[in-house]
PDB file of N, CA and C in Angstrom:
ATOM      1  N   MET A   1       0.819  -1.072   0.041  1.00  0.00           N
ATOM      2  CA  MET A   1      -0.023  -0.100  -0.135  1.00  0.00           C
ATOM      3  C   MET A   1       1.034   1.365  -0.046  1.00  0.00           C
ATOM      4  N   LYS A   2       0.392   2.233  -0.769  1.00  0.00           N
ATOM      5  CA  LYS A   2       1.149   3.439  -0.833  1.00  0.00           C
ATOM      6  C   LYS A   2       0.912   4.616   0.309  1.00  0.00           C
ATOM      7  N   LYS A   3       1.869   5.289   0.572  1.00  0.00           N
ATOM      8  CA  LYS A   3       1.559   6.244   1.855  1.00  0.00           C
ATOM      9  C   LYS A   3       0.610   7.257   1.360  1.00  0.00           C
ATOM     10  N   TYR A   4      -0.265   7.707   2.480  1.00  0.00           N
ATOM     11  CA  TYR A   4      -1.420   8.762   2.244  1.00  0.00           C
ATOM     12  C   TYR A   4      -1.463   9.572   3.357  1.00  0.00           C
ATOM     13  N   SER A   5      -2.241  10.549   3.047  1.00  0.00           N
ATOM     14  CA  SER A   5      -2.619  11.790   3.931  1.00  0.00           C
ATOM     15  C   SER A   5      -4.095  11.617   4.399  1.00  0.00           C
ATOM     16  N   LYS A   6      -4.435  11.353   5.760  1.00  0.00           N
ATOM     17  CA  LYS A   6      -5.771  11.241   5.976  1.00  0.00           C
ATOM     18  C   LYS A   6      -6.500  12.697   5.792  1.00  0.00           C
ATOM     19  N   GLN A   7      -5.816  13.983   5.228  1.00  0.00           N
ATOM     20  CA  GLN A   7      -6.477  15.116   5.054  1.00  0.00           C
ATOM     21  C   GLN A   7      -6.980  15.114   3.555  1.00  0.00           C
ATOM     22  N   GLU A   8      -6.768  14.013   2.804  1.00  0.00           N
ATOM     23  CA  GLU A   8      -7.108  13.954   1.243  1.00  0.00           C
ATOM     24  C   GLU A   8      -8.612  13.932   1.626  1.00  0.00           C
ATOM     25  N   THR A   9      -9.344  14.448   0.463  1.00  0.00           N
ATOM     26  CA  THR A   9     -10.841  14.293   0.562  1.00  0.00           C
ATOM     27  C   THR A   9     -11.147  13.518  -0.637  1.00  0.00           C
ATOM     28  N   ASP A  10     -10.489  12.886  -1.420  1.00  0.00           N
ATOM     29  CA  ASP A  10     -10.921  12.129  -2.651  1.00  0.00           C
ATOM     30  C   ASP A  10     -10.733  10.775  -2.346  1.00  0.00           C
ATOM     31  N   TRP A  11     -11.286  10.283  -0.960  1.00  0.00           N
ATOM     32  CA  TRP A  11     -11.405   8.970  -0.923  1.00  0.00           C
ATOM     33  C   TRP A  11     -12.767   8.501  -0.813  1.00  0.00           C
ATOM     34  N   THR A  12     -13.030   7.137  -1.105  1.00  0.00           N
ATOM     35  CA  THR A  12     -14.333   6.458  -1.044  1.00  0.00           C
ATOM     36  C   THR A  12     -14.181   5.341  -0.247  1.00  0.00           C
ATOM     37  N   ILE A  13     -14.993   5.250   0.684  1.00  0.00           N
ATOM     38  CA  ILE A  13     -14.716   4.135   1.650  1.00  0.00           C
ATOM     39  C   ILE A  13     -16.251   3.290   1.490  1.00  0.00           C
ATOM     40  N   GLY A  14     -15.695   1.809   1.547  1.00  0.00           N
ATOM     41  CA  GLY A  14     -17.007   1.183   1.396  1.00  0.00           C
ATOM     42  C   GLY A  14     -16.971   0.289   2.831  1.00  0.00           C
ATOM     43  N   LEU A  15     -18.331   0.259   3.352  1.00  0.00           N
ATOM     44  CA  LEU A  15     -18.539  -0.097   4.856  1.00  0.00           C
ATOM     45  C   LEU A  15     -19.580  -1.452   4.770  1.00  0.00           C
ATOM     46  N   ASP A  16     -19.216  -2.449   5.128  1.00  0.00           N
ATOM     47  CA  ASP A  16     -20.155  -3.547   5.320  1.00  0.00           C
ATOM     48  C   ASP A  16     -20.543  -3.793   6.455  1.00  0.00           C
ATOM     49  N   LEU A  17     -21.934  -3.296   6.923  1.00  0.00           N
ATOM     50  CA  LEU A  17     -22.358  -3.741   8.214  1.00  0.00           C
ATOM     51  C   LEU A  17     -22.618  -4.881   8.808  1.00  0.00           C
ATOM     52  N   GLY A  18     -22.107  -5.430   9.829  1.00  0.00           N
ATOM     53  CA  GLY A  18     -22.251  -6.896  10.215  1.00  0.00           C
ATOM     54  C   GLY A  18     -23.007  -6.872  11.580  1.00  0.00           C
ATOM     55  N   ASN A  19     -23.735  -7.842  11.958  1.00  0.00           N
ATOM     56  CA  ASN A  19     -24.245  -8.021  13.245  1.00  0.00           C
ATOM     57  C   ASN A  19     -23.461  -7.659  14.518  1.00  0.00           C
ATOM     58  N   ARG A  20     -22.160  -7.933  14.574  1.00  0.00           N
ATOM     59  CA  ARG A  20     -21.260  -7.384  15.715  1.00  0.00           C
ATOM     60  C   ARG A  20     -20.240  -6.575  15.103  1.00  0.00           C
ATOM     61  N   ASN A  21     -19.673  -6.876  14.011  1.00  0.00           N
ATOM     62  CA  ASN A  21     -18.363  -6.389  13.483  1.00  0.00           C
ATOM     63  C   ASN A  21     -18.853  -5.535  11.902  1.00  0.00           C
ATOM     64  N   SER A  22     -18.195  -4.689  11.742  1.00  0.00           N
ATOM     65  CA  SER A  22     -18.347  -4.138  10.246  1.00  0.00           C
ATOM     66  C   SER A  22     -16.950  -4.056   9.626  1.00  0.00           C
ATOM     67  N   TYR A  23     -16.929  -4.364   8.413  1.00  0.00           N
ATOM     68  CA  TYR A  23     -15.630  -4.322   7.877  1.00  0.00           C
ATOM     69  C   TYR A  23     -15.608  -3.101   6.889  1.00  0.00           C
ATOM     70  N   TRP A  24     -14.460  -2.345   6.663  1.00  0.00           N
ATOM     71  CA  TRP A  24     -14.474  -1.140   5.631  1.00  0.00           C
ATOM     72  C   TRP A  24     -13.233  -1.112   4.843  1.00  0.00           C
ATOM     73  N   VAL A  25     -13.187  -0.617   3.898  1.00  0.00           N
ATOM     74  CA  VAL A  25     -12.019  -0.305   3.074  1.00  0.00           C
ATOM     75  C   VAL A  25     -11.781   0.924   2.475  1.00  0.00           C
ATOM     76  N   ALA A  26     -10.924   1.667   2.518  1.00  0.00           N
ATOM     77  CA  ALA A  26     -10.750   3.219   1.980  1.00  0.00           C
ATOM     78  C   ALA A  26      -9.845   2.939   0.481  1.00  0.00           C
ATOM     79  N   LEU A  27     -10.426   3.697  -0.384  1.00  0.00           N
ATOM     80  CA  LEU A  27      -9.785   3.641  -1.702  1.00  0.00           C
ATOM     81  C   LEU A  27      -9.566   5.046  -2.037  1.00  0.00           C
ATOM     82  N   ASP A  28      -8.432   5.368  -2.881  1.00  0.00           N
ATOM     83  CA  ASP A  28      -8.094   6.525  -3.495  1.00  0.00           C
ATOM     84  C   ASP A  28      -8.771   6.813  -4.656  1.00  0.00           C
ATOM     85  N   ARG A  29      -8.624   7.938  -5.181  1.00  0.00           N
ATOM     86  CA  ARG A  29      -9.371   8.242  -6.504  1.00  0.00           C
ATOM     87  C   ARG A  29      -8.887   7.185  -7.497  1.00  0.00           C
ATOM     88  N   GLU A  30      -7.870   6.676  -7.700  1.00  0.00           N
ATOM     89  CA  GLU A  30      -7.577   5.601  -8.819  1.00  0.00           C
ATOM     90  C   GLU A  30      -8.090   4.168  -8.273  1.00  0.00           C
ATOM     91  N   GLY A  31      -8.580   4.000  -7.072  1.00  0.00           N
ATOM     92  CA  GLY A  31      -9.253   2.725  -6.769  1.00  0.00           C
ATOM     93  C   GLY A  31      -8.157   1.757  -6.013  1.00  0.00           C
ATOM     94  N   GLU A  32      -6.877   2.324  -5.503  1.00  0.00           N
ATOM     95  CA  GLU A  32      -6.167   1.695  -4.866  1.00  0.00           C
ATOM     96  C   GLU A  32      -6.499   1.667  -3.440  1.00  0.00           C
ATOM     97  N   ILE A  33      -6.313   0.377  -2.562  1.00  0.00           N
ATOM     98  CA  ILE A  33      -6.492   0.467  -1.272  1.00  0.00           C
ATOM     99  C   ILE A  33      -5.389   1.334  -0.557  1.00  0.00           C
ATOM    100  N   LEU A  34      -6.080   1.933   0.341  1.00  0.00           N
ATOM    101  CA  LEU A  34      -5.288   3.068   1.315  1.00  0.00           C
ATOM    102  C   LEU A  34      -5.224   2.336   2.711  1.00  0.00           C
ATOM    103  N   GLN A  35      -6.333   1.543   3.119  1.00  0.00           N
ATOM    104  CA  GLN A  35      -6.252   1.213   4.408  1.00  0.00           C
ATOM    105  C   GLN A  35      -7.591   0.251   4.474  1.00  0.00           C
ATOM    106  N   GLU A  36      -7.605  -0.500   5.108  1.00  0.00           N
ATOM    107  CA  GLU A  36      -8.895  -1.537   5.491  1.00  0.00           C
ATOM    108  C   GLU A  36      -8.873  -2.062   6.939  1.00  0.00           C
ATOM    109  N   GLY A  37      -9.915  -2.418   7.322  1.00  0.00           N
ATOM    110  CA  GLY A  37     -10.071  -2.858   8.672  1.00  0.00           C
ATOM    111  C   GLY A  37     -11.270  -3.469   9.225  1.00  0.00           C
ATOM    112  N   ARG A  38     -11.368  -3.808  10.448  1.00  0.00           N
ATOM    113  CA  ARG A  38     -12.687  -4.188  11.047  1.00  0.00           C
ATOM    114  C   ARG A  38     -13.147  -3.412  12.077  1.00  0.00           C
ATOM    115  N   VAL A  39     -14.134  -2.830  12.647  1.00  0.00           N
ATOM    116  CA  VAL A  39     -14.542  -2.554  13.677  1.00  0.00           C
ATOM    117  C   VAL A  39     -15.776  -2.832  14.124  1.00  0.00           C
ATOM    118  N   ALA A  40     -16.035  -2.841  15.563  1.00  0.00           N
ATOM    119  CA  ALA A  40     -17.144  -3.182  16.253  1.00  0.00           C
ATOM    120  C   ALA A  40     -18.148  -2.361  15.780  1.00  0.00           C
ATOM    121  N   ARG A  41     -19.347  -2.893  15.679  1.00  0.00           N
ATOM    122  CA  ARG A  41     -20.557  -1.937  15.156  1.00  0.00           C
ATOM    123  C   ARG A  41     -21.198  -1.387  16.531  1.00  0.00           C
ATOM    124  N   ARG A  42     -20.133  -0.592  17.014  1.00  0.00           N
ATOM    125  CA  ARG A  42     -20.885   0.514  18.135  1.00  0.00           C
ATOM    126  C   ARG A  42     -20.480   1.880  17.990  1.00  0.00           C
ATOM    127  N   VAL A  43     -21.088   2.667  18.473  1.00  0.00           N
ATOM    128  CA  VAL A  43     -20.957   4.041  18.352  1.00  0.00           C
ATOM    129  C   VAL A  43     -19.532   4.516  18.699  1.00  0.00           C
ATOM    130  N   ARG A  44     -19.125   4.308  19.632  1.00  0.00           N
ATOM    131  CA  ARG A  44     -17.713   4.848  19.984  1.00  0.00           C
ATOM    132  C   ARG A  44     -16.673   4.451  19.233  1.00  0.00           C
ATOM    133  N   ALA A  45     -16.985   2.938  18.588  1.00  0.00           N
ATOM    134  CA  ALA A  45     -16.018   2.184  18.049  1.00  0.00           C
ATOM    135  C   ALA A  45     -15.883   2.814  16.640  1.00  0.00           C
ATOM    136  N   LEU A  46     -17.033   3.024  15.954  1.00  0.00           N
ATOM    137  CA  LEU A  46     -17.310   3.781  14.625  1.00  0.00           C
ATOM    138  C   LEU A  46     -16.887   5.107  14.576  1.00  0.00           C
ATOM    139  N   GLU A  47     -17.102   5.893  15.721  1.00  0.00           N
ATOM    140  CA  GLU A  47     -16.649   7.399  15.715  1.00  0.00           C
ATOM    141  C   GLU A  47     -14.981   7.324  15.773  1.00  0.00           C
ATOM    142  N   LYS A  48     -14.352   6.459  16.615  1.00  0.00           N
ATOM    143  CA  LYS A  48     -12.945   6.360  16.450  1.00  0.00           C
ATOM    144  C   LYS A  48     -12.475   6.133  15.155  1.00  0.00           C
ATOM    145  N   VAL A  49     -12.821   5.377  14.389  1.00  0.00           N
ATOM    146  CA  VAL A  49     -12.472   4.994  12.969  1.00  0.00           C
ATOM    147  C   VAL A  49     -12.687   6.345  11.883  1.00  0.00           C
ATOM    148  N   PHE A  50     -13.994   6.585  12.048  1.00  0.00           N
ATOM    149  CA  PHE A  50     -14.456   7.456  10.796  1.00  0.00           C
ATOM    150  C   PHE A  50     -14.278   8.883  11.196  1.00  0.00           C
ATOM    151  N   ARG A  51     -13.855   9.368  12.317  1.00  0.00           N
ATOM    152  CA  ARG A  51     -13.439  10.640  12.618  1.00  0.00           C
ATOM    153  C   ARG A  51     -12.289  11.079  11.801  1.00  0.00           C
ATOM    154  N   GLU A  52     -11.392  10.107  11.548  1.00  0.00           N
ATOM    155  CA  GLU A  52     -10.147  10.270  10.926  1.00  0.00           C
ATOM    156  C   GLU A  52     -10.436  10.408   9.201  1.00  0.00           C
ATOM    157  N   PHE A  53     -11.660  10.183   8.792  1.00  0.00           N
ATOM    158  CA  PHE A  53     -12.060  10.103   7.645  1.00  0.00           C
ATOM    159  C   PHE A  53     -13.142  11.168   7.184  1.00  0.00           C
ATOM    160  N   SER A  54     -13.157  12.292   7.890  1.00  0.00           N
ATOM    161  CA  SER A  54     -13.931  13.348   7.437  1.00  0.00           C
ATOM    162  C   SER A  54     -13.869  13.862   6.269  1.00  0.00           C
ATOM    163  N   ARG A  55     -15.059  14.056   5.545  1.00  0.00           N
ATOM    164  CA  ARG A  55     -14.947  14.469   4.138  1.00  0.00           C
ATOM    165  C   ARG A  55     -14.770  13.603   3.047  1.00  0.00           C
ATOM    166  N   SER A  56     -15.022  12.316   3.387  1.00  0.00           N
ATOM    167  CA  SER A  56     -15.060  11.082   2.636  1.00  0.00           C
ATOM    168  C   SER A  56     -16.437  10.708   2.047  1.00  0.00           C
ATOM    169  N   ARG A  57     -16.371  10.242   0.961  1.00  0.00           N
ATOM    170  CA  ARG A  57     -17.606   9.485   0.400  1.00  0.00           C
ATOM    171  C   ARG A  57     -17.583   8.161   1.041  1.00  0.00           C
ATOM    172  N   ILE A  58     -18.725   7.831   1.604  1.00  0.00           N
ATOM    173  CA  ILE A  58     -18.804   6.358   2.192  1.00  0.00           C
ATOM    174  C   ILE A  58     -19.911   5.599   1.652  1.00  0.00           C
ATOM    175  N   ALA A  59     -19.840   4.591   1.134  1.00  0.00           N
ATOM    176  CA  ALA A  59     -20.835   3.598   0.627  1.00  0.00           C
ATOM    177  C   ALA A  59     -21.257   2.692   1.581  1.00  0.00           C
ATOM    178  N   LEU A  60     -22.270   2.573   2.150  1.00  0.00           N
ATOM    179  CA  LEU A  60     -22.737   1.455   3.072  1.00  0.00           C
ATOM    180  C   LEU A  60     -23.978   0.632   2.637  1.00  0.00           C
ATOM    181  N   GLU A  61     -24.180  -0.524   3.023  1.00  0.00           N
ATOM    182  CA  GLU A  61     -25.064  -1.399   2.579  1.00  0.00           C
ATOM    183  C   GLU A  61     -26.481  -0.877   3.434  1.00  0.00           C
ATOM    184  N   VAL A  62     -27.600  -1.072   2.714  1.00  0.00           N
ATOM    185  CA  VAL A  62     -28.763  -0.803   3.158  1.00  0.00           C
ATOM    186  C   VAL A  62     -29.262  -1.826   4.003  1.00  0.00           C
ATOM    187  N   GLY A  63     -29.661  -1.770   5.373  1.00  0.00           N
ATOM    188  CA  GLY A  63     -30.097  -2.675   6.300  1.00  0.00           C
ATOM    189  C   GLY A  63     -30.990  -2.017   7.559  1.00  0.00           C
ATOM    190  N   THR A  64     -30.957  -2.642   8.356  1.00  0.00           N
ATOM    191  CA  THR A  64     -31.588  -2.115   9.730  1.00  0.00           C
ATOM    192  C   THR A  64     -30.744  -1.223  10.436  1.00  0.00           C
ATOM    193  N   GLN A  65     -29.575  -1.376  10.358  1.00  0.00           N
ATOM    194  CA  GLN A  65     -28.525  -0.435  11.117  1.00  0.00           C
ATOM    195  C   GLN A  65     -27.980   0.657  10.268  1.00  0.00           C
ATOM    196  N   SER A  66     -28.260   0.841   8.844  1.00  0.00           N
ATOM    197  CA  SER A  66     -27.675   1.846   7.952  1.00  0.00           C
ATOM    198  C   SER A  66     -28.189   3.015   8.504  1.00  0.00           C
ATOM    199  N   SER A  67     -29.513   3.280   8.920  1.00  0.00           N
ATOM    200  CA  SER A  67     -30.180   4.711   9.139  1.00  0.00           C
ATOM    201  C   SER A  67     -29.389   5.485  10.385  1.00  0.00           C
ATOM    202  N   TRP A  68     -29.094   4.671  11.612  1.00  0.00           N
ATOM    203  CA  TRP A  68     -28.349   5.291  12.431  1.00  0.00           C
ATOM    204  C   TRP A  68     -26.807   5.541  12.152  1.00  0.00           C
ATOM    205  N   VAL A  69     -26.266   4.505  11.436  1.00  0.00           N
ATOM    206  CA  VAL A  69     -24.820   4.655  11.047  1.00  0.00           C
ATOM    207  C   VAL A  69     -24.711   5.884  10.041  1.00  0.00           C
ATOM    208  N   SER A  70     -25.537   6.059   9.212  1.00  0.00           N
ATOM    209  CA  SER A  70     -25.721   7.126   8.221  1.00  0.00           C
ATOM    210  C   SER A  70     -25.658   8.527   8.942  1.00  0.00           C
ATOM    211  N   ARG A  71     -26.374   8.678  10.009  1.00  0.00           N
ATOM    212  CA  ARG A  71     -26.569  10.030  10.399  1.00  0.00           C
ATOM    213  C   ARG A  71     -25.283  10.012  11.491  1.00  0.00           C
ATOM    214  N   LEU A  72     -24.647   9.026  12.093  1.00  0.00           N
ATOM    215  CA  LEU A  72     -23.543   9.098  12.754  1.00  0.00           C
ATOM    216  C   LEU A  72     -22.242   9.778  11.777  1.00  0.00           C
ATOM    217  N   LEU A  73     -22.169   9.169  10.582  1.00  0.00           N
ATOM    218  CA  LEU A  73     -21.131   9.563   9.772  1.00  0.00           C
ATOM    219  C   LEU A  73     -21.072  10.871   9.380  1.00  0.00           C
ATOM    220  N   ARG A  74     -22.382  11.390   9.079  1.00  0.00           N
ATOM    221  CA  ARG A  74     -22.725  12.837   8.725  1.00  0.00           C
ATOM    222  C   ARG A  74     -22.078  13.995   9.895  1.00  0.00           C
ATOM    223  N   LEU A  75     -22.119  13.355  11.108  1.00  0.00           N
ATOM    224  CA  LEU A  75     -21.779  14.228  12.115  1.00  0.00           C
ATOM    225  C   LEU A  75     -20.036  14.514  11.644  1.00  0.00           C
ATOM    226  N   TYR A  76     -19.396  13.693  11.012  1.00  0.00           N
ATOM    227  CA  TYR A  76     -17.945  13.905  10.752  1.00  0.00           C
ATOM    228  C   TYR A  76     -17.745  14.529   9.281  1.00  0.00           C
ATOM    229  N   ARG A  77     -18.809  15.020   8.695  1.00  0.00           N
ATOM    230  CA  ARG A  77     -18.884  15.752   7.375  1.00  0.00           C
ATOM    231  C   ARG A  77     -18.543  14.806   6.356  1.00  0.00           C
ATOM    232  N   SER A  78     -18.832  13.422   6.599  1.00  0.00           N
ATOM    233  CA  SER A  78     -18.733  12.567   5.339  1.00  0.00           C
ATOM    234  C   SER A  78     -19.861  12.649   4.459  1.00  0.00           C
ATOM    235  N   GLU A  79     -19.913  11.874   3.238  1.00  0.00           N
ATOM    236  CA  GLU A  79     -20.939  11.852   2.484  1.00  0.00           C
ATOM    237  C   GLU A  79     -21.528  10.393   2.399  1.00  0.00           C
ATOM    238  N   PRO A  80     -22.255   9.924   3.462  1.00  0.00           N
ATOM    239  CA  PRO A  80     -22.693   8.618   3.272  1.00  0.00           C
ATOM    240  C   PRO A  80     -23.667   8.349   2.256  1.00  0.00           C
ATOM    241  N   SER A  81     -23.801   7.022   1.499  1.00  0.00           N
ATOM    242  CA  SER A  81     -24.792   6.741   0.585  1.00  0.00           C
ATOM    243  C   SER A  81     -25.183   5.281   0.986  1.00  0.00           C
ATOM    244  N   GLN A  82     -26.528   4.880   0.681  1.00  0.00           N
ATOM    245  CA  GLN A  82     -26.643   3.695   1.104  1.00  0.00           C
ATOM    246  C   GLN A  82     -26.742   2.816  -0.344  1.00  0.00           C
ATOM    247  N   ALA A  83     -26.434   1.608  -0.363  1.00  0.00           N
ATOM    248  CA  ALA A  83     -26.331   0.747  -1.599  1.00  0.00           C
ATOM    249  C   ALA A  83     -26.842  -0.549  -1.154  1.00  0.00           C
ATOM    250  N   ALA A  84     -27.870  -1.095  -2.138  1.00  0.00           N
ATOM    251  CA  ALA A  84     -28.359  -2.357  -1.723  1.00  0.00           C
ATOM    252  C   ALA A  84     -27.632  -3.364  -2.060  1.00  0.00           C
TER     253      ALA A  84
END
């Protein structure tokens, strides 16, 4: 993986919401993986990860948990969108 700056705003993050854990991947504008990981699906855990990715586009799956997660991500000026 190449070096990156968390201040960049042209990132796209995919977020797969699981029952207990969620998996995410951050891509640059060329589609290269910058970072990926697993995070517990709890407010504090999600805040800790996604606070660092403010101003990013985030695609998350549609499901029962996607509404509150989307609202949480907007607090950090991210652009969440839900995908089926």
